[in-house]
Amino acid sequence: MFDDTALMRLIIEDLAEKKGWSYEDTLDRFYRSETCKYISDPETGMFTFSHLDIIRLFEEEESETLP
């Protein structure tokens, strides 16, 4: 992963607050997501996206995986 610690912190903190999830639960959910994998892939360029855009993508991913 690139030097994206600050980006990940923003994503996790905002996502936890928005969803009402614990910090640990948010970490688990996000780090298991495809969205997180894309951030780590230099080919996607997602590490340059804003944390709000990434949260939106994560929420879209979650809504697609719900039954």
C-alpha atoms as a PDB file:
ATOM      1  CA  MET A   1       0.000   0.000   0.000  1.00  0.00           C
ATOM      2  CA  PHE A   2       1.166   3.499  -0.686  1.00  0.00           C
ATOM      3  CA  ASP A   3       1.692   6.128   1.974  1.00  0.00           C
ATOM      4  CA  ASP A   4      -2.062   6.386   2.444  1.00  0.00           C
ATOM      5  CA  THR A   5      -2.314   6.118   6.217  1.00  0.00           C
ATOM      6  CA  ALA A   6      -3.995   9.517   6.519  1.00  0.00           C
ATOM      7  CA  LEU A   7      -6.467   8.633   3.762  1.00  0.00           C
ATOM      8  CA  MET A   8      -7.368   5.350   5.439  1.00  0.00           C
ATOM      9  CA  ARG A   9      -7.779   7.061   8.808  1.00  0.00           C
ATOM     10  CA  LEU A  10     -10.190   9.594   7.284  1.00  0.00           C
ATOM     11  CA  ILE A  11     -12.174   6.845   5.581  1.00  0.00           C
ATOM     12  CA  ILE A  12     -12.465   4.677   8.698  1.00  0.00           C
ATOM     13  CA  GLU A  13     -13.298   7.545  11.058  1.00  0.00           C
ATOM     14  CA  ASP A  14     -15.952   9.073   8.780  1.00  0.00           C
ATOM     15  CA  LEU A  15     -17.430   5.705   7.874  1.00  0.00           C
ATOM     16  CA  ALA A  16     -17.684   4.635  11.537  1.00  0.00           C
ATOM     17  CA  GLU A  17     -19.401   7.888  12.445  1.00  0.00           C
ATOM     18  CA  LYS A  18     -21.746   7.816   9.455  1.00  0.00           C
ATOM     19  CA  LYS A  19     -22.796   4.186   9.950  1.00  0.00           C
ATOM     20  CA  GLY A  20     -22.717   4.149  13.746  1.00  0.00           C
ATOM     21  CA  TRP A  21     -20.304   1.220  13.706  1.00  0.00           C
ATOM     22  CA  SER A  22     -17.491   0.695  16.178  1.00  0.00           C
ATOM     23  CA  TYR A  23     -14.021   1.603  14.967  1.00  0.00           C
ATOM     24  CA  GLU A  24     -12.996  -2.072  15.048  1.00  0.00           C
ATOM     25  CA  ASP A  25     -16.068  -3.216  13.114  1.00  0.00           C
ATOM     26  CA  THR A  26     -15.501  -0.507  10.529  1.00  0.00           C
ATOM     27  CA  LEU A  27     -11.859  -1.544  10.122  1.00  0.00           C
ATOM     28  CA  ASP A  28     -12.904  -5.150   9.622  1.00  0.00           C
ATOM     29  CA  ARG A  29     -15.649  -4.365   7.113  1.00  0.00           C
ATOM     30  CA  PHE A  30     -13.592  -1.916   5.123  1.00  0.00           C
ATOM     31  CA  TYR A  31     -10.354  -3.910   4.988  1.00  0.00           C
ATOM     32  CA  ARG A  32     -12.248  -6.965   3.700  1.00  0.00           C
ATOM     33  CA  SER A  33     -13.891  -4.940   0.915  1.00  0.00           C
ATOM     34  CA  GLU A  34     -13.000  -4.818  -2.747  1.00  0.00           C
ATOM     35  CA  THR A  35     -12.873  -1.031  -2.429  1.00  0.00           C
ATOM     36  CA  CYS A  36      -9.963  -1.304  -0.015  1.00  0.00           C
ATOM     37  CA  LYS A  37      -8.171  -3.681  -2.367  1.00  0.00           C
ATOM     38  CA  TYR A  38      -8.551  -1.168  -5.195  1.00  0.00           C
ATOM     39  CA  ILE A  39      -6.957   1.577  -3.092  1.00  0.00           C
ATOM     40  CA  SER A  40      -3.918  -0.666  -2.649  1.00  0.00           C
ATOM     41  CA  ASP A  41      -3.623  -1.287  -6.385  1.00  0.00           C
ATOM     42  CA  PRO A  42      -1.446   1.394  -8.031  1.00  0.00           C
ATOM     43  CA  GLU A  43      -3.064   0.598 -11.382  1.00  0.00           C
ATOM     44  CA  THR A  44      -6.459   1.959 -10.269  1.00  0.00           C
ATOM     45  CA  GLY A  45      -5.218   5.324  -9.035  1.00  0.00           C
ATOM     46  CA  MET A  46      -7.877   5.184  -6.311  1.00  0.00           C
ATOM     47  CA  PHE A  47      -5.339   6.241  -3.707  1.00  0.00           C
ATOM     48  CA  THR A  48      -5.707   9.724  -5.235  1.00  0.00           C
ATOM     49  CA  PHE A  49      -9.485   9.863  -4.657  1.00  0.00           C
ATOM     50  CA  SER A  50     -10.994  11.849  -1.805  1.00  0.00           C
ATOM     51  CA  HIS A  51     -12.024   9.896   1.276  1.00  0.00           C
ATOM     52  CA  LEU A  52     -15.650  10.868   0.611  1.00  0.00           C
ATOM     53  CA  ASP A  53     -15.519   9.391  -2.888  1.00  0.00           C
ATOM     54  CA  ILE A  54     -14.054   6.184  -1.510  1.00  0.00           C
ATOM     55  CA  ILE A  55     -16.751   5.986   1.170  1.00  0.00           C
ATOM     56  CA  ARG A  56     -19.386   6.378  -1.558  1.00  0.00           C
ATOM     57  CA  LEU A  57     -17.787   3.555  -3.555  1.00  0.00           C
ATOM     58  CA  PHE A  58     -17.657   1.357  -0.450  1.00  0.00           C
ATOM     59  CA  GLU A  59     -21.342   2.027   0.241  1.00  0.00           C
ATOM     60  CA  GLU A  60     -22.212   1.133  -3.345  1.00  0.00           C
ATOM     61  CA  GLU A  61     -20.221  -2.081  -3.010  1.00  0.00           C
ATOM     62  CA  GLU A  62     -22.016  -2.944   0.230  1.00  0.00           C
ATOM     63  CA  SER A  63     -25.444  -2.291  -1.265  1.00  0.00           C
ATOM     64  CA  GLU A  64     -24.632  -4.600  -4.182  1.00  0.00           C
ATOM     65  CA  THR A  65     -23.633  -7.456  -1.864  1.00  0.00           C
ATOM     66  CA  LEU A  66     -26.745  -7.298   0.313  1.00  0.00           C
ATOM     67  CA  PRO A  67     -29.384  -9.969  -0.360  1.00  0.00           C
END
